[in-house]
Amino acid sequence: IEQNTFVWGNLQEIKEMQFSSYIIIGVLLAIGLFIAFKGLFKNVT
């Protein structure tokens, strides 16, 4: 029983780590797109 709870705890930790890494990736993508669009609009105007 102890082994199962240990494994379950690890799975929960991995899920939380994945979630936070997805947030970081999302933020980086948003910043990258924002900079790219700013560059495009600068060239247009």
PDB file of N, CA and C in Angstrom:
ATOM      1  N   ILE A   1       0.848  -1.209   0.000  1.00  0.00           N
ATOM      2  CA  ILE A   1       0.000   0.000   0.000  1.00  0.00           C
ATOM      3  C   ILE A   1       0.878   1.252   0.000  1.00  0.00           C
ATOM      4  N   GLU A   2       1.939   1.225   0.811  1.00  0.00           N
ATOM      5  CA  GLU A   2       2.844   2.384   0.870  1.00  0.00           C
ATOM      6  C   GLU A   2       3.490   2.648  -0.493  1.00  0.00           C
ATOM      7  N   GLN A   3       3.856   1.562  -1.170  1.00  0.00           N
ATOM      8  CA  GLN A   3       4.488   1.697  -2.491  1.00  0.00           C
ATOM      9  C   GLN A   3       3.538   2.411  -3.459  1.00  0.00           C
ATOM     10  N   ASN A   4       2.257   2.021  -3.424  1.00  0.00           N
ATOM     11  CA  ASN A   4       1.271   2.624  -4.325  1.00  0.00           C
ATOM     12  C   ASN A   4       1.118   4.123  -4.074  1.00  0.00           C
ATOM     13  N   THR A   5       1.032   4.525  -2.818  1.00  0.00           N
ATOM     14  CA  THR A   5       0.871   5.944  -2.510  1.00  0.00           C
ATOM     15  C   THR A   5       2.111   6.712  -2.941  1.00  0.00           C
ATOM     16  N   PHE A   6       3.283   6.096  -2.826  1.00  0.00           N
ATOM     17  CA  PHE A   6       4.528   6.746  -3.236  1.00  0.00           C
ATOM     18  C   PHE A   6       4.508   7.005  -4.745  1.00  0.00           C
ATOM     19  N   VAL A   7       4.123   5.979  -5.508  1.00  0.00           N
ATOM     20  CA  VAL A   7       4.058   6.109  -6.969  1.00  0.00           C
ATOM     21  C   VAL A   7       3.019   7.161  -7.348  1.00  0.00           C
ATOM     22  N   TRP A   8       1.853   7.138  -6.689  1.00  0.00           N
ATOM     23  CA  TRP A   8       0.782   8.093  -6.980  1.00  0.00           C
ATOM     24  C   TRP A   8       1.258   9.515  -6.711  1.00  0.00           C
ATOM     25  N   GLY A   9       1.985   9.695  -5.586  1.00  0.00           N
ATOM     26  CA  GLY A   9       2.522  11.013  -5.248  1.00  0.00           C
ATOM     27  C   GLY A   9       3.461  11.507  -6.331  1.00  0.00           C
ATOM     28  N   ASN A  10       4.299  10.617  -6.848  1.00  0.00           N
ATOM     29  CA  ASN A  10       5.229  10.987  -7.912  1.00  0.00           C
ATOM     30  C   ASN A  10       4.481  11.378  -9.183  1.00  0.00           C
ATOM     31  N   LEU A  11       3.427  10.627  -9.504  1.00  0.00           N
ATOM     32  CA  LEU A  11       2.623  10.942 -10.699  1.00  0.00           C
ATOM     33  C   LEU A  11       2.011  12.329 -10.579  1.00  0.00           C
ATOM     34  N   GLN A  12       1.491  12.656  -9.405  1.00  0.00           N
ATOM     35  CA  GLN A  12       0.894  13.979  -9.189  1.00  0.00           C
ATOM     36  C   GLN A  12       1.957  15.071  -9.375  1.00  0.00           C
ATOM     37  N   GLU A  13       3.147  14.826  -8.848  1.00  0.00           N
ATOM     38  CA  GLU A  13       4.233  15.816  -8.983  1.00  0.00           C
ATOM     39  C   GLU A  13       4.589  16.024 -10.446  1.00  0.00           C
ATOM     40  N   ILE A  14       4.697  14.924 -11.198  1.00  0.00           N
ATOM     41  CA  ILE A  14       5.045  15.012 -12.624  1.00  0.00           C
ATOM     42  C   ILE A  14       3.968  15.789 -13.374  1.00  0.00           C
ATOM     43  N   LYS A  15       2.683  15.529 -13.037  1.00  0.00           N
ATOM     44  CA  LYS A  15       1.584  16.257 -13.686  1.00  0.00           C
ATOM     45  C   LYS A  15       1.711  17.750 -13.418  1.00  0.00           C
ATOM     46  N   GLU A  16       1.985  18.124 -12.170  1.00  0.00           N
ATOM     47  CA  GLU A  16       2.115  19.537 -11.822  1.00  0.00           C
ATOM     48  C   GLU A  16       3.296  20.160 -12.555  1.00  0.00           C
ATOM     49  N   MET A  17       4.411  19.424 -12.653  1.00  0.00           N
ATOM     50  CA  MET A  17       5.584  19.936 -13.368  1.00  0.00           C
ATOM     51  C   MET A  17       5.254  20.151 -14.839  1.00  0.00           C
ATOM     52  N   GLN A  18       4.542  19.187 -15.450  1.00  0.00           N
ATOM     53  CA  GLN A  18       4.156  19.325 -16.855  1.00  0.00           C
ATOM     54  C   GLN A  18       3.276  20.553 -17.041  1.00  0.00           C
ATOM     55  N   PHE A  19       2.331  20.745 -16.115  1.00  0.00           N
ATOM     56  CA  PHE A  19       1.400  21.872 -16.214  1.00  0.00           C
ATOM     57  C   PHE A  19       2.166  23.191 -16.176  1.00  0.00           C
ATOM     58  N   SER A  20       3.111  23.322 -15.235  1.00  0.00           N
ATOM     59  CA  SER A  20       3.867  24.573 -15.114  1.00  0.00           C
ATOM     60  C   SER A  20       4.763  24.769 -16.332  1.00  0.00           C
ATOM     61  N   SER A  21       5.312  23.676 -16.875  1.00  0.00           N
ATOM     62  CA  SER A  21       6.171  23.816 -18.051  1.00  0.00           C
ATOM     63  C   SER A  21       5.335  24.220 -19.271  1.00  0.00           C
ATOM     64  N   TYR A  22       4.088  23.727 -19.335  1.00  0.00           N
ATOM     65  CA  TYR A  22       3.204  24.147 -20.432  1.00  0.00           C
ATOM     66  C   TYR A  22       2.910  25.642 -20.327  1.00  0.00           C
ATOM     67  N   ILE A  23       2.721  26.140 -19.094  1.00  0.00           N
ATOM     68  CA  ILE A  23       2.461  27.568 -18.890  1.00  0.00           C
ATOM     69  C   ILE A  23       3.672  28.373 -19.356  1.00  0.00           C
ATOM     70  N   ILE A  24       4.884  27.910 -18.992  1.00  0.00           N
ATOM     71  CA  ILE A  24       6.114  28.615 -19.375  1.00  0.00           C
ATOM     72  C   ILE A  24       6.238  28.639 -20.900  1.00  0.00           C
ATOM     73  N   ILE A  25       5.983  27.482 -21.541  1.00  0.00           N
ATOM     74  CA  ILE A  25       6.066  27.405 -23.003  1.00  0.00           C
ATOM     75  C   ILE A  25       5.043  28.338 -23.642  1.00  0.00           C
ATOM     76  N   GLY A  26       3.827  28.363 -23.079  1.00  0.00           N
ATOM     77  CA  GLY A  26       2.781  29.232 -23.596  1.00  0.00           C
ATOM     78  C   GLY A  26       3.166  30.700 -23.510  1.00  0.00           C
ATOM     79  N   VAL A  27       3.730  31.082 -22.371  1.00  0.00           N
ATOM     80  CA  VAL A  27       4.145  32.480 -22.174  1.00  0.00           C
ATOM     81  C   VAL A  27       5.246  32.838 -23.161  1.00  0.00           C
ATOM     82  N   LEU A  28       6.227  31.935 -23.328  1.00  0.00           N
ATOM     83  CA  LEU A  28       7.327  32.198 -24.255  1.00  0.00           C
ATOM     84  C   LEU A  28       6.803  32.328 -25.688  1.00  0.00           C
ATOM     85  N   LEU A  29       5.868  31.454 -26.066  1.00  0.00           N
ATOM     86  CA  LEU A  29       5.278  31.526 -27.404  1.00  0.00           C
ATOM     87  C   LEU A  29       4.544  32.849 -27.598  1.00  0.00           C
ATOM     88  N   ALA A  30       3.785  33.259 -26.582  1.00  0.00           N
ATOM     89  CA  ALA A  30       3.027  34.515 -26.668  1.00  0.00           C
ATOM     90  C   ALA A  30       3.975  35.691 -26.854  1.00  0.00           C
ATOM     91  N   ILE A  31       5.068  35.711 -26.078  1.00  0.00           N
ATOM     92  CA  ILE A  31       6.045  36.804 -26.183  1.00  0.00           C
ATOM     93  C   ILE A  31       6.687  36.793 -27.569  1.00  0.00           C
ATOM     94  N   GLY A  32       7.037  35.592 -28.054  1.00  0.00           N
ATOM     95  CA  GLY A  32       7.652  35.459 -29.372  1.00  0.00           C
ATOM     96  C   GLY A  32       6.730  35.969 -30.474  1.00  0.00           C
ATOM     97  N   LEU A  33       5.448  35.577 -30.395  1.00  0.00           N
ATOM     98  CA  LEU A  33       4.477  36.040 -31.392  1.00  0.00           C
ATOM     99  C   LEU A  33       4.301  37.550 -31.318  1.00  0.00           C
ATOM    100  N   PHE A  34       4.242  38.078 -30.098  1.00  0.00           N
ATOM    101  CA  PHE A  34       4.075  39.518 -29.901  1.00  0.00           C
ATOM    102  C   PHE A  34       5.223  40.284 -30.541  1.00  0.00           C
ATOM    103  N   ILE A  35       6.455  39.819 -30.299  1.00  0.00           N
ATOM    104  CA  ILE A  35       7.639  40.478 -30.875  1.00  0.00           C
ATOM    105  C   ILE A  35       7.605  40.365 -32.399  1.00  0.00           C
ATOM    106  N   ALA A  36       7.219  39.187 -32.907  1.00  0.00           N
ATOM    107  CA  ALA A  36       7.168  38.985 -34.357  1.00  0.00           C
ATOM    108  C   ALA A  36       6.152  39.931 -35.007  1.00  0.00           C
ATOM    109  N   PHE A  37       4.969  40.031 -34.389  1.00  0.00           N
ATOM    110  CA  PHE A  37       3.933  40.920 -34.943  1.00  0.00           C
ATOM    111  C   PHE A  37       4.370  42.380 -34.866  1.00  0.00           C
ATOM    112  N   LYS A  38       5.023  42.760 -33.760  1.00  0.00           N
ATOM    113  CA  LYS A  38       5.520  44.142 -33.653  1.00  0.00           C
ATOM    114  C   LYS A  38       6.499  44.435 -34.776  1.00  0.00           C
ATOM    115  N   GLY A  39       7.376  43.473 -35.063  1.00  0.00           N
ATOM    116  CA  GLY A  39       8.348  43.629 -36.142  1.00  0.00           C
ATOM    117  C   GLY A  39       7.657  43.766 -37.493  1.00  0.00           C
ATOM    118  N   LEU A  40       6.622  42.948 -37.725  1.00  0.00           N
ATOM    119  CA  LEU A  40       5.886  43.008 -38.998  1.00  0.00           C
ATOM    120  C   LEU A  40       5.218  44.363 -39.175  1.00  0.00           C
ATOM    121  N   PHE A  41       4.571  44.841 -38.126  1.00  0.00           N
ATOM    122  CA  PHE A  41       3.858  46.123 -38.225  1.00  0.00           C
ATOM    123  C   PHE A  41       4.833  47.281 -38.401  1.00  0.00           C
ATOM    124  N   LYS A  42       6.019  47.158 -37.812  1.00  0.00           N
ATOM    125  CA  LYS A  42       7.030  48.212 -37.991  1.00  0.00           C
ATOM    126  C   LYS A  42       7.436  48.301 -39.456  1.00  0.00           C
ATOM    127  N   ASN A  43       7.584  47.120 -40.094  1.00  0.00           N
ATOM    128  CA  ASN A  43       7.983  47.099 -41.498  1.00  0.00           C
ATOM    129  C   ASN A  43       6.871  47.641 -42.391  1.00  0.00           C
ATOM    130  N   VAL A  44       5.625  47.407 -42.038  1.00  0.00           N
ATOM    131  CA  VAL A  44       4.489  47.837 -42.856  1.00  0.00           C
ATOM    132  C   VAL A  44       4.345  49.351 -42.798  1.00  0.00           C
ATOM    133  N   THR A  45       4.431  49.921 -41.611  1.00  0.00           N
ATOM    134  CA  THR A  45       4.210  51.370 -41.476  1.00  0.00           C
ATOM    135  C   THR A  45       5.460  52.160 -41.845  1.00  0.00           C
TER     136      THR A  45
END
